Amino acid sequence: VLRHTRERSAEARPRAPPLYPSILFRAAMSASRRVALALLLSASAAGAAAPSTTNGECGEDCQAADRDSAVLLQLKQAGGAAVDTDAEGQSSACLGTNVQCAAQTAHLVASGKAAPNAMWYNMPASQDLSLMDTYHDQLTNVPVPEKVVAHAGSSTRLAMGSAADVAEMMYRASKVQGVTDKLPEKFRGVYWMRGNPVPEELMTMQYAQWYDDEGIIVLPGAPFMWSWAAGKPKNAPSPMYTEDLKGALGVIESLMSWQAAISAKFTSCVEGLWKTVKPMVCNVKDSSDKEAYGYMQMHWYGDLKHNADIGMLLYDTTQNLCDKGSSGAFTMQAYKNASDGTAWRRTIQFGKGSCADKEQGSYDLVKVLDGEGAPVQPYYDEFLEYMGDVPLMVWSGWKDAAAREAHMELLKDEVAQMSKGCSRHKLPVVKC
């Protein structure tokens, strides 16, 4: 330590606080003090003001947050146990949600339980094409943007209709024998993304694969699984909503370009504490509900061997240079007294490195139609009142079976190119 101090004193530049060698660092600090230091450093990063930009450069707040992250990283690299990590390389000092770099679905592929890419065309059973065709004819056709045509073919269809009608259609079109019946009851039905700043409104998990031994659900991108506001409800939660179709079509273009699958690994709320310190809304006193906490990941083109870098979504939305290089974490937590799956908190957090400690864009996921298709109150009536006369837009399928086959071939070709590292899309994945 003395030698280290003398060397630093001799340098002709401002001195920084020395980082002690790991052995002396551990000897000098008790376990409780190490944890306290880590929490203090994390708290300083979490409490930083919102990033700002000036002439294309990061403001002081953003730089301060980066310095805090750098201190944590230095402590970790120096071997100080103030920042402990688990087997997956996650920091236990994070006052938010730890970002898991490895794909939580990779072992499903390695064990042969899942195909390498979770896509609508390799599900155990297919959606009823004639039913979707009937529903499309009952709705108002929406011209498909060129960007969607490039990724899904000219015969992929979009349509819009009343909120009540679209909710009912989503329920029936996504309920498939051999798929839906294998899901736990709590995940069946149609959900409202209440308070979502993105103009997305309804989603369903009914056409998803459930891996019971692992507690993992995998949702492919498929018709009638998602719906968007084709206009701006009176109490829309953010400026991303538009009076016309631009807001909804912009989101659809991105989703059809990524063809992302979503996975969630469920555990008890107590086990979820290993990943999330805050916000934690599920009941940490109840260890009996094994599906109270879900850690979520996205997988570009359904690639279950890799975890999509969802931190890029923040920069794509804000175009703030301070947000570039961010990491992100999504969770799905059952509200207390809602173990039946009727109400969840969908947390969205961003940060730097392995710690996502800044909450931004979280919303409630509440069930409006149950597993039998019946309205769930009070959420169903609240949703219809919120939407008013604003219609909902859905991906309503394809013109015919030939169009579906053509879309499948486009996707298979892209998946093949991705496996060779030759994809035309530069979709970043988390690198461990």
Protein backbone atom coordinates (compact mmCIF):
# COMPACT_ATOMS: atom_id res chain seq x y z
CA VAL A 1 0.00 0.00 0.00
CA LEU A 2 2.84 2.43 0.85
CA ARG A 3 4.63 1.66 -2.40
CA HIS A 4 1.41 2.15 -4.29
CA THR A 5 0.88 5.51 -2.57
CA ARG A 6 4.44 6.71 -3.32
CA GLU A 7 4.11 5.81 -6.98
CA ARG A 8 0.86 7.66 -7.29
CA SER A 9 2.28 10.71 -5.47
CA ALA A 10 5.13 10.92 -7.95
CA GLU A 11 2.82 11.22 -10.92
CA ALA A 12 2.36 14.73 -12.29
CA ARG A 13 -1.40 14.55 -12.64
CA PRO A 14 -4.40 14.80 -10.32
CA ARG A 15 -4.62 11.79 -8.05
CA ALA A 16 -7.59 9.43 -8.05
CA PRO A 17 -8.56 7.41 -4.98
CA PRO A 18 -6.39 4.26 -5.03
CA LEU A 19 -7.95 0.87 -5.62
CA TYR A 20 -6.32 -1.49 -3.13
CA PRO A 21 -5.13 -4.97 -4.10
CA SER A 22 -7.84 -7.53 -3.55
CA ILE A 23 -6.18 -9.33 -0.60
CA LEU A 24 -5.70 -6.17 1.44
CA PHE A 25 -9.11 -4.90 0.34
CA ARG A 26 -10.81 -8.00 1.70
CA ALA A 27 -8.77 -7.96 4.88
CA ALA A 28 -9.62 -4.34 5.55
CA MET A 29 -13.35 -4.62 5.08
CA SER A 30 -15.85 -6.86 6.77
CA ALA A 31 -18.51 -8.55 4.68
CA SER A 32 -21.13 -6.07 5.83
CA ARG A 33 -18.97 -3.08 4.93
CA ARG A 34 -18.22 -4.50 1.50
CA VAL A 35 -21.91 -4.87 0.80
CA ALA A 36 -22.57 -1.39 2.16
CA LEU A 37 -19.96 0.11 -0.15
CA ALA A 38 -21.35 -1.70 -3.17
CA LEU A 39 -24.88 -0.57 -2.36
CA LEU A 40 -23.71 3.01 -1.85
CA LEU A 41 -21.95 3.05 -5.20
CA SER A 42 -24.95 1.49 -6.94
CA ALA A 43 -27.29 3.96 -5.26
CA SER A 44 -25.28 6.90 -6.54
CA ALA A 45 -25.67 5.62 -10.08
CA ALA A 46 -29.37 4.89 -9.61
CA GLY A 47 -30.01 8.35 -8.23
CA ALA A 48 -28.44 10.21 -11.13
CA ALA A 49 -30.65 12.74 -12.91
CA ALA A 50 -32.07 11.94 -16.34
CA PRO A 51 -29.40 12.04 -19.08
CA SER A 52 -29.24 15.18 -21.16
CA THR A 53 -27.51 16.07 -24.42
CA THR A 54 -25.80 19.25 -25.54
CA ASN A 55 -24.61 19.65 -29.13
CA GLY A 56 -24.63 15.88 -29.59
CA GLU A 57 -22.53 15.18 -26.50
CA CYS A 58 -23.44 13.60 -23.19
CA GLY A 59 -24.19 16.03 -20.39
CA GLU A 60 -22.57 15.98 -16.95
CA ASP A 61 -25.30 13.78 -15.46
CA CYS A 62 -24.69 11.07 -18.01
CA GLN A 63 -20.92 11.29 -17.51
CA ALA A 64 -21.36 11.06 -13.73
CA ALA A 65 -23.43 7.89 -14.12
CA ASP A 66 -20.73 6.44 -16.35
CA ARG A 67 -18.07 7.26 -13.72
CA ASP A 68 -20.10 5.46 -11.05
CA SER A 69 -20.40 2.42 -13.29
CA ALA A 70 -16.66 2.56 -13.96
CA VAL A 71 -15.90 2.55 -10.21
CA LEU A 72 -18.03 -0.56 -9.73
CA LEU A 73 -16.25 -2.21 -12.64
CA GLN A 74 -12.82 -1.30 -11.24
CA LEU A 75 -13.68 -2.73 -7.84
CA LYS A 76 -14.86 -5.93 -9.48
CA GLN A 77 -11.73 -6.22 -11.64
CA ALA A 78 -9.51 -5.49 -8.65
CA GLY A 79 -10.87 -8.59 -6.98
CA GLY A 80 -12.66 -6.73 -4.21
CA ALA A 81 -15.63 -8.73 -2.97
CA ALA A 82 -17.64 -5.53 -2.66
CA VAL A 83 -19.07 -6.48 -6.02
CA ASP A 84 -19.73 -10.21 -5.85
CA THR A 85 -20.94 -12.16 -8.88
CA ASP A 86 -22.82 -15.39 -9.30
CA ALA A 87 -22.18 -18.26 -11.70
CA GLU A 88 -23.73 -16.28 -14.58
CA GLY A 89 -21.45 -13.30 -13.99
CA GLN A 90 -24.21 -11.10 -12.56
CA SER A 91 -23.47 -8.38 -10.04
CA SER A 92 -25.14 -8.87 -6.67
CA ALA A 93 -24.64 -5.17 -5.90
CA CYS A 94 -27.24 -4.02 -8.45
CA LEU A 95 -30.09 -1.99 -6.99
CA GLY A 96 -32.26 -2.81 -9.97
CA THR A 97 -32.36 -5.95 -12.12
CA ASN A 98 -29.28 -7.93 -13.09
CA VAL A 99 -28.90 -8.32 -16.85
CA GLN A 100 -28.39 -11.97 -17.76
CA CYS A 101 -26.08 -12.22 -20.74
CA ALA A 102 -26.70 -15.87 -21.61
CA ALA A 103 -29.91 -16.90 -23.35
CA GLN A 104 -32.11 -18.64 -20.78
CA THR A 105 -33.49 -20.78 -23.61
CA ALA A 106 -30.16 -22.04 -24.98
CA HIS A 107 -30.31 -25.28 -22.96
CA LEU A 108 -33.74 -26.03 -24.45
CA VAL A 109 -32.09 -26.13 -27.86
CA ALA A 110 -29.04 -28.05 -26.63
CA SER A 111 -31.25 -30.71 -25.03
CA GLY A 112 -33.40 -31.08 -28.12
CA LYS A 113 -36.55 -29.81 -26.39
CA ALA A 114 -36.85 -26.77 -28.63
CA ALA A 115 -35.99 -25.89 -32.22
CA PRO A 116 -33.11 -23.40 -32.61
CA ASN A 117 -35.58 -20.73 -33.75
CA ALA A 118 -39.02 -20.22 -32.20
CA MET A 119 -41.19 -19.20 -35.15
CA TRP A 120 -44.89 -19.48 -35.94
CA TYR A 121 -44.17 -22.05 -38.66
CA ASN A 122 -42.56 -24.61 -36.33
CA MET A 123 -45.13 -24.56 -33.57
CA PRO A 124 -46.63 -27.95 -32.55
CA ALA A 125 -49.93 -26.98 -34.23
CA SER A 126 -50.88 -24.24 -36.68
CA GLN A 127 -53.43 -21.48 -36.32
CA ASP A 128 -56.64 -21.90 -38.31
CA LEU A 129 -56.04 -20.08 -41.60
CA SER A 130 -59.72 -20.10 -42.59
CA LEU A 131 -60.73 -18.60 -39.23
CA MET A 132 -58.19 -15.79 -39.60
CA ASP A 133 -59.42 -15.19 -43.15
CA THR A 134 -62.99 -14.88 -41.86
CA TYR A 135 -61.92 -12.42 -39.19
CA HIS A 136 -59.94 -10.33 -41.68
CA ASP A 137 -63.02 -9.98 -43.87
CA GLN A 138 -65.00 -8.74 -40.86
CA LEU A 139 -62.41 -6.04 -40.17
CA THR A 140 -61.21 -3.05 -42.19
CA ASN A 141 -58.18 -3.80 -44.35
CA VAL A 142 -55.07 -1.67 -43.71
CA PRO A 143 -52.49 -1.14 -46.51
CA VAL A 144 -49.27 -2.95 -45.62
CA PRO A 145 -46.17 -0.70 -45.41
CA GLU A 146 -43.33 -1.42 -47.83
CA LYS A 147 -40.99 -2.30 -44.98
CA VAL A 148 -43.38 -5.03 -43.82
CA VAL A 149 -43.74 -6.31 -47.40
CA ALA A 150 -39.95 -6.63 -47.65
CA HIS A 151 -39.87 -8.91 -44.61
CA ALA A 152 -43.18 -10.73 -44.82
CA GLY A 153 -44.27 -10.66 -48.46
CA SER A 154 -46.94 -8.68 -50.28
CA SER A 155 -49.79 -10.96 -49.21
CA THR A 156 -49.33 -10.49 -45.46
CA ARG A 157 -52.35 -8.63 -44.14
CA LEU A 158 -53.15 -6.01 -41.53
CA ALA A 159 -56.64 -5.00 -40.43
CA MET A 160 -58.40 -2.93 -37.79
CA GLY A 161 -61.71 -2.98 -35.95
CA SER A 162 -63.42 -2.11 -32.68
CA ALA A 163 -61.61 -2.88 -29.44
CA ALA A 164 -64.26 -5.39 -28.33
CA ASP A 165 -64.28 -7.26 -31.65
CA VAL A 166 -60.49 -7.44 -31.95
CA ALA A 167 -60.14 -8.70 -28.36
CA GLU A 168 -62.59 -11.52 -29.09
CA MET A 169 -60.84 -12.40 -32.36
CA MET A 170 -57.44 -12.46 -30.70
CA TYR A 171 -58.74 -14.87 -28.10
CA ARG A 172 -60.23 -17.30 -30.64
CA ALA A 173 -57.51 -17.09 -33.30
CA SER A 174 -54.73 -17.73 -30.77
CA LYS A 175 -56.48 -20.63 -29.01
CA VAL A 176 -55.04 -23.71 -30.67
CA GLN A 177 -55.53 -27.31 -29.57
CA GLY A 178 -52.21 -28.91 -28.74
CA VAL A 179 -50.68 -25.57 -27.73
CA THR A 180 -53.03 -23.54 -25.54
CA ASP A 181 -54.19 -26.54 -23.52
CA LYS A 182 -50.60 -27.21 -22.42
CA LEU A 183 -50.24 -23.75 -20.85
CA PRO A 184 -50.91 -23.14 -17.17
CA GLU A 185 -54.39 -21.66 -16.79
CA LYS A 186 -53.02 -18.38 -15.43
CA PHE A 187 -51.37 -17.54 -18.77
CA ARG A 188 -54.47 -18.10 -20.91
CA GLY A 189 -56.71 -15.30 -22.11
CA VAL A 190 -56.11 -11.79 -23.48
CA TYR A 191 -54.18 -9.05 -21.67
CA TRP A 192 -54.25 -5.24 -21.80
CA MET A 193 -50.89 -3.48 -21.58
CA ARG A 194 -52.28 -0.67 -19.43
CA GLY A 195 -50.01 2.38 -19.34
CA ASN A 196 -47.62 1.13 -22.02
CA PRO A 197 -45.94 4.25 -23.52
CA VAL A 198 -45.67 2.42 -26.86
CA PRO A 199 -49.00 2.30 -28.77
CA GLU A 200 -49.50 -1.39 -28.03
CA GLU A 201 -52.74 -2.37 -26.34
CA LEU A 202 -53.62 -6.08 -26.25
CA MET A 203 -51.51 -9.24 -26.29
CA THR A 204 -52.07 -12.91 -25.67
CA MET A 205 -49.79 -15.73 -24.59
CA GLN A 206 -52.20 -18.47 -25.68
CA TYR A 207 -50.21 -19.41 -28.79
CA ALA A 208 -46.97 -20.03 -26.91
CA GLN A 209 -44.94 -23.07 -25.90
CA TRP A 210 -44.62 -23.97 -22.24
CA TYR A 211 -41.66 -25.96 -20.90
CA ASP A 212 -42.91 -27.19 -17.56
CA ASP A 213 -39.68 -28.61 -16.13
CA GLU A 214 -37.87 -25.32 -16.72
CA GLY A 215 -40.80 -22.98 -16.03
CA ILE A 216 -40.19 -21.22 -19.36
CA ILE A 217 -42.75 -19.82 -21.78
CA VAL A 218 -41.74 -18.91 -25.36
CA LEU A 219 -43.96 -16.66 -27.48
CA PRO A 220 -43.33 -16.52 -31.23
CA GLY A 221 -44.42 -13.60 -33.36
CA ALA A 222 -47.70 -14.72 -34.94
CA PRO A 223 -51.01 -13.30 -36.26
CA PHE A 224 -53.62 -12.13 -33.75
CA MET A 225 -51.10 -12.26 -30.89
CA TRP A 226 -50.68 -8.49 -30.55
CA SER A 227 -52.73 -5.38 -31.29
CA TRP A 228 -51.95 -1.68 -31.61
CA ALA A 229 -53.92 1.53 -31.20
CA ALA A 230 -54.94 2.75 -34.67
CA GLY A 231 -55.29 6.29 -33.34
CA LYS A 232 -54.85 8.13 -30.07
CA PRO A 233 -57.10 7.32 -27.08
CA LYS A 234 -58.14 10.33 -24.99
CA ASN A 235 -55.85 9.36 -22.10
CA ALA A 236 -53.00 7.90 -24.14
CA PRO A 237 -49.98 7.50 -21.82
CA SER A 238 -47.31 8.99 -24.10
CA PRO A 239 -46.59 11.16 -27.18
CA MET A 240 -45.71 8.01 -29.13
CA TYR A 241 -49.43 7.63 -29.86
CA THR A 242 -50.61 9.47 -32.99
CA GLU A 243 -54.03 10.56 -34.24
CA ASP A 244 -53.46 8.64 -37.46
CA LEU A 245 -52.00 5.17 -38.13
CA LYS A 246 -48.33 6.23 -38.08
CA GLY A 247 -47.70 5.32 -34.44
CA ALA A 248 -49.08 1.81 -34.78
CA LEU A 249 -47.52 1.16 -38.19
CA GLY A 250 -44.11 2.28 -36.94
CA VAL A 251 -44.19 -0.34 -34.18
CA ILE A 252 -45.50 -3.02 -36.55
CA GLU A 253 -42.69 -2.31 -39.02
CA SER A 254 -40.08 -2.86 -36.32
CA LEU A 255 -41.67 -6.03 -34.97
CA MET A 256 -42.09 -7.58 -38.42
CA SER A 257 -38.48 -6.68 -39.22
CA TRP A 258 -37.15 -8.36 -36.06
CA GLN A 259 -39.58 -11.33 -35.96
CA ALA A 260 -38.64 -11.54 -32.30
CA ALA A 261 -39.74 -14.28 -29.95
CA ILE A 262 -40.17 -13.52 -26.26
CA SER A 263 -39.23 -15.89 -23.46
CA ALA A 264 -39.92 -15.66 -19.74
CA LYS A 265 -38.45 -17.92 -17.09
CA PHE A 266 -40.72 -18.14 -14.07
CA THR A 267 -39.78 -18.75 -10.45
CA SER A 268 -41.18 -17.87 -7.06
CA CYS A 269 -40.92 -14.24 -6.00
CA VAL A 270 -38.32 -15.17 -3.39
CA GLU A 271 -36.10 -16.71 -6.07
CA GLY A 272 -36.67 -13.61 -8.17
CA LEU A 273 -34.75 -11.60 -5.58
CA TRP A 274 -31.57 -13.14 -6.98
CA LYS A 275 -32.23 -11.12 -10.13
CA THR A 276 -34.23 -8.07 -9.03
CA VAL A 277 -33.81 -5.91 -5.93
CA LYS A 278 -36.18 -3.20 -7.08
CA PRO A 279 -38.83 -2.70 -8.25
CA MET A 280 -40.18 -5.84 -6.60
CA VAL A 281 -43.98 -5.91 -6.53
CA CYS A 282 -44.64 -9.65 -6.21
CA ASN A 283 -45.11 -11.21 -2.77
CA VAL A 284 -41.64 -12.06 -1.43
CA LYS A 285 -43.25 -13.76 1.58
CA ASP A 286 -44.92 -16.38 -0.61
CA SER A 287 -42.64 -19.09 -1.96
CA SER A 288 -45.48 -21.40 -3.00
CA ASP A 289 -46.33 -19.63 -6.27
CA LYS A 290 -43.64 -20.86 -8.68
CA GLU A 291 -44.83 -18.54 -11.43
CA ALA A 292 -44.87 -15.21 -9.58
CA TYR A 293 -41.70 -13.75 -11.09
CA GLY A 294 -40.68 -13.99 -14.74
CA TYR A 295 -37.35 -12.84 -16.14
CA MET A 296 -37.90 -11.95 -19.79
CA GLN A 297 -35.67 -12.00 -22.86
CA MET A 298 -36.14 -11.26 -26.55
CA HIS A 299 -34.72 -13.38 -29.36
CA TRP A 300 -34.29 -11.88 -32.83
CA TYR A 301 -35.86 -14.14 -35.47
CA GLY A 302 -36.73 -16.51 -32.64
CA ASP A 303 -33.05 -17.39 -32.08
CA LEU A 304 -33.23 -19.23 -28.75
CA LYS A 305 -29.46 -19.65 -28.54
CA HIS A 306 -28.89 -15.91 -28.17
CA ASN A 307 -30.32 -13.14 -26.02
CA ALA A 308 -31.27 -9.97 -27.92
CA ASP A 309 -29.68 -6.74 -26.70
CA ILE A 310 -32.84 -4.96 -25.58
CA GLY A 311 -30.78 -2.00 -24.38
CA MET A 312 -30.74 -0.85 -28.00
CA LEU A 313 -34.47 -0.14 -27.74
CA LEU A 314 -33.81 2.80 -25.43
CA TYR A 315 -31.43 4.55 -27.82
CA ASP A 316 -33.67 3.79 -30.81
CA THR A 317 -36.51 5.53 -28.97
CA THR A 318 -34.72 8.54 -27.47
CA GLN A 319 -31.83 9.06 -29.94
CA ASN A 320 -29.98 10.37 -26.89
CA LEU A 321 -26.25 9.68 -27.09
CA CYS A 322 -26.18 9.08 -23.35
CA ASP A 323 -28.46 6.07 -23.94
CA LYS A 324 -26.20 4.49 -26.54
CA GLY A 325 -24.66 1.27 -25.30
CA SER A 326 -27.32 0.82 -22.63
CA SER A 327 -28.29 -2.61 -21.35
CA GLY A 328 -31.84 -3.55 -20.46
CA ALA A 329 -33.92 -5.97 -18.42
CA PHE A 330 -37.61 -6.89 -18.52
CA THR A 331 -39.55 -8.73 -15.85
CA MET A 332 -43.13 -9.85 -15.33
CA GLN A 333 -44.20 -9.88 -11.69
CA ALA A 334 -47.56 -11.00 -10.31
CA TYR A 335 -49.20 -8.42 -8.10
CA LYS A 336 -49.93 -9.53 -4.56
CA ASN A 337 -53.27 -11.34 -4.33
CA ALA A 338 -53.17 -11.94 -8.12
CA SER A 339 -51.61 -15.41 -8.25
CA ASP A 340 -54.36 -16.39 -10.72
CA GLY A 341 -52.55 -14.38 -13.41
CA THR A 342 -55.05 -11.51 -13.68
CA ALA A 343 -52.61 -8.68 -12.89
CA TRP A 344 -48.87 -8.35 -13.47
CA ARG A 345 -46.32 -5.56 -13.36
CA ARG A 346 -44.22 -5.47 -16.52
CA THR A 347 -41.04 -3.76 -15.39
CA ILE A 348 -38.73 -2.17 -17.92
CA GLN A 349 -35.29 -1.04 -16.80
CA PHE A 350 -32.16 0.22 -18.47
CA GLY A 351 -28.62 0.81 -17.27
CA LYS A 352 -25.00 0.15 -18.07
CA GLY A 353 -23.16 -3.14 -17.99
CA SER A 354 -24.85 -5.93 -16.05
CA CYS A 355 -27.07 -3.68 -13.94
CA ALA A 356 -30.34 -2.18 -15.21
CA ASP A 357 -31.27 0.19 -12.40
CA LYS A 358 -33.25 2.97 -14.13
CA GLU A 359 -36.93 2.18 -14.58
CA GLN A 360 -38.43 3.62 -17.72
CA GLY A 361 -41.65 2.63 -19.48
CA SER A 362 -43.01 0.00 -17.05
CA TYR A 363 -46.72 -0.77 -17.23
CA ASP A 364 -49.45 -3.07 -15.92
CA LEU A 365 -50.43 -6.27 -17.72
CA VAL A 366 -54.04 -6.98 -16.76
CA LYS A 367 -56.34 -9.70 -18.09
CA VAL A 368 -59.45 -8.55 -19.96
CA LEU A 369 -60.60 -11.97 -21.21
CA ASP A 370 -60.00 -15.13 -19.19
CA GLY A 371 -59.09 -18.62 -20.38
CA GLU A 372 -62.71 -19.26 -21.35
CA GLY A 373 -63.06 -15.98 -23.25
CA ALA A 374 -65.22 -14.32 -20.59
CA PRO A 375 -64.63 -10.65 -19.62
CA VAL A 376 -62.52 -10.08 -16.51
CA GLN A 377 -63.79 -7.16 -14.46
CA PRO A 378 -63.05 -4.39 -13.79
CA TYR A 379 -60.29 -4.51 -16.41
CA TYR A 380 -62.50 -5.30 -19.41
CA ASP A 381 -64.80 -2.32 -18.93
CA GLU A 382 -61.86 -0.05 -18.09
CA PHE A 383 -60.16 -1.06 -21.33
CA LEU A 384 -63.21 -0.39 -23.51
CA GLU A 385 -63.72 2.99 -21.84
CA TYR A 386 -60.06 3.86 -22.40
CA MET A 387 -60.16 2.93 -26.10
CA GLY A 388 -63.44 4.74 -26.80
CA ASP A 389 -63.96 4.89 -30.58
CA VAL A 390 -60.28 4.30 -31.39
CA PRO A 391 -59.91 1.03 -33.34
CA LEU A 392 -57.30 -1.66 -32.79
CA MET A 393 -54.98 -2.92 -35.50
CA VAL A 394 -53.78 -6.53 -35.81
CA TRP A 395 -51.63 -8.68 -38.03
CA SER A 396 -54.56 -10.63 -39.48
CA GLY A 397 -52.65 -13.38 -41.28
CA TRP A 398 -52.13 -13.99 -44.99
CA LYS A 399 -54.14 -13.81 -48.19
CA ASP A 400 -54.03 -17.58 -48.60
CA ALA A 401 -51.98 -20.71 -47.87
CA ALA A 402 -49.54 -19.90 -50.68
CA ALA A 403 -48.84 -16.50 -49.13
CA ARG A 404 -48.17 -18.13 -45.77
CA GLU A 405 -45.73 -20.55 -47.43
CA ALA A 406 -43.97 -17.66 -49.17
CA HIS A 407 -43.57 -15.81 -45.86
CA MET A 408 -42.22 -18.97 -44.25
CA GLU A 409 -39.58 -19.31 -46.99
CA LEU A 410 -38.50 -15.70 -46.50
CA LEU A 411 -38.06 -16.32 -42.77
CA LYS A 412 -36.23 -19.61 -43.24
CA ASP A 413 -33.82 -17.93 -45.64
CA GLU A 414 -33.11 -15.17 -43.13
CA VAL A 415 -32.61 -17.70 -40.33
CA ALA A 416 -30.14 -19.61 -42.54
CA GLN A 417 -28.23 -16.41 -43.30
CA MET A 418 -28.10 -15.52 -39.61
CA SER A 419 -26.65 -18.92 -38.75
CA LYS A 420 -23.82 -18.20 -41.21
CA GLY A 421 -23.26 -14.71 -39.87
CA CYS A 422 -24.42 -13.24 -43.17
CA SER A 423 -27.67 -11.61 -42.11
CA ARG A 424 -28.76 -8.48 -43.93
CA HIS A 425 -29.93 -7.14 -40.55
CA LYS A 426 -27.57 -5.94 -37.84
CA LEU A 427 -29.56 -6.99 -34.80
CA PRO A 428 -27.29 -6.91 -31.73
CA VAL A 429 -27.24 -9.73 -29.21
CA VAL A 430 -25.82 -9.70 -25.69
CA LYS A 431 -22.26 -11.00 -25.74
CA CYS A 432 -21.00 -12.86 -22.67
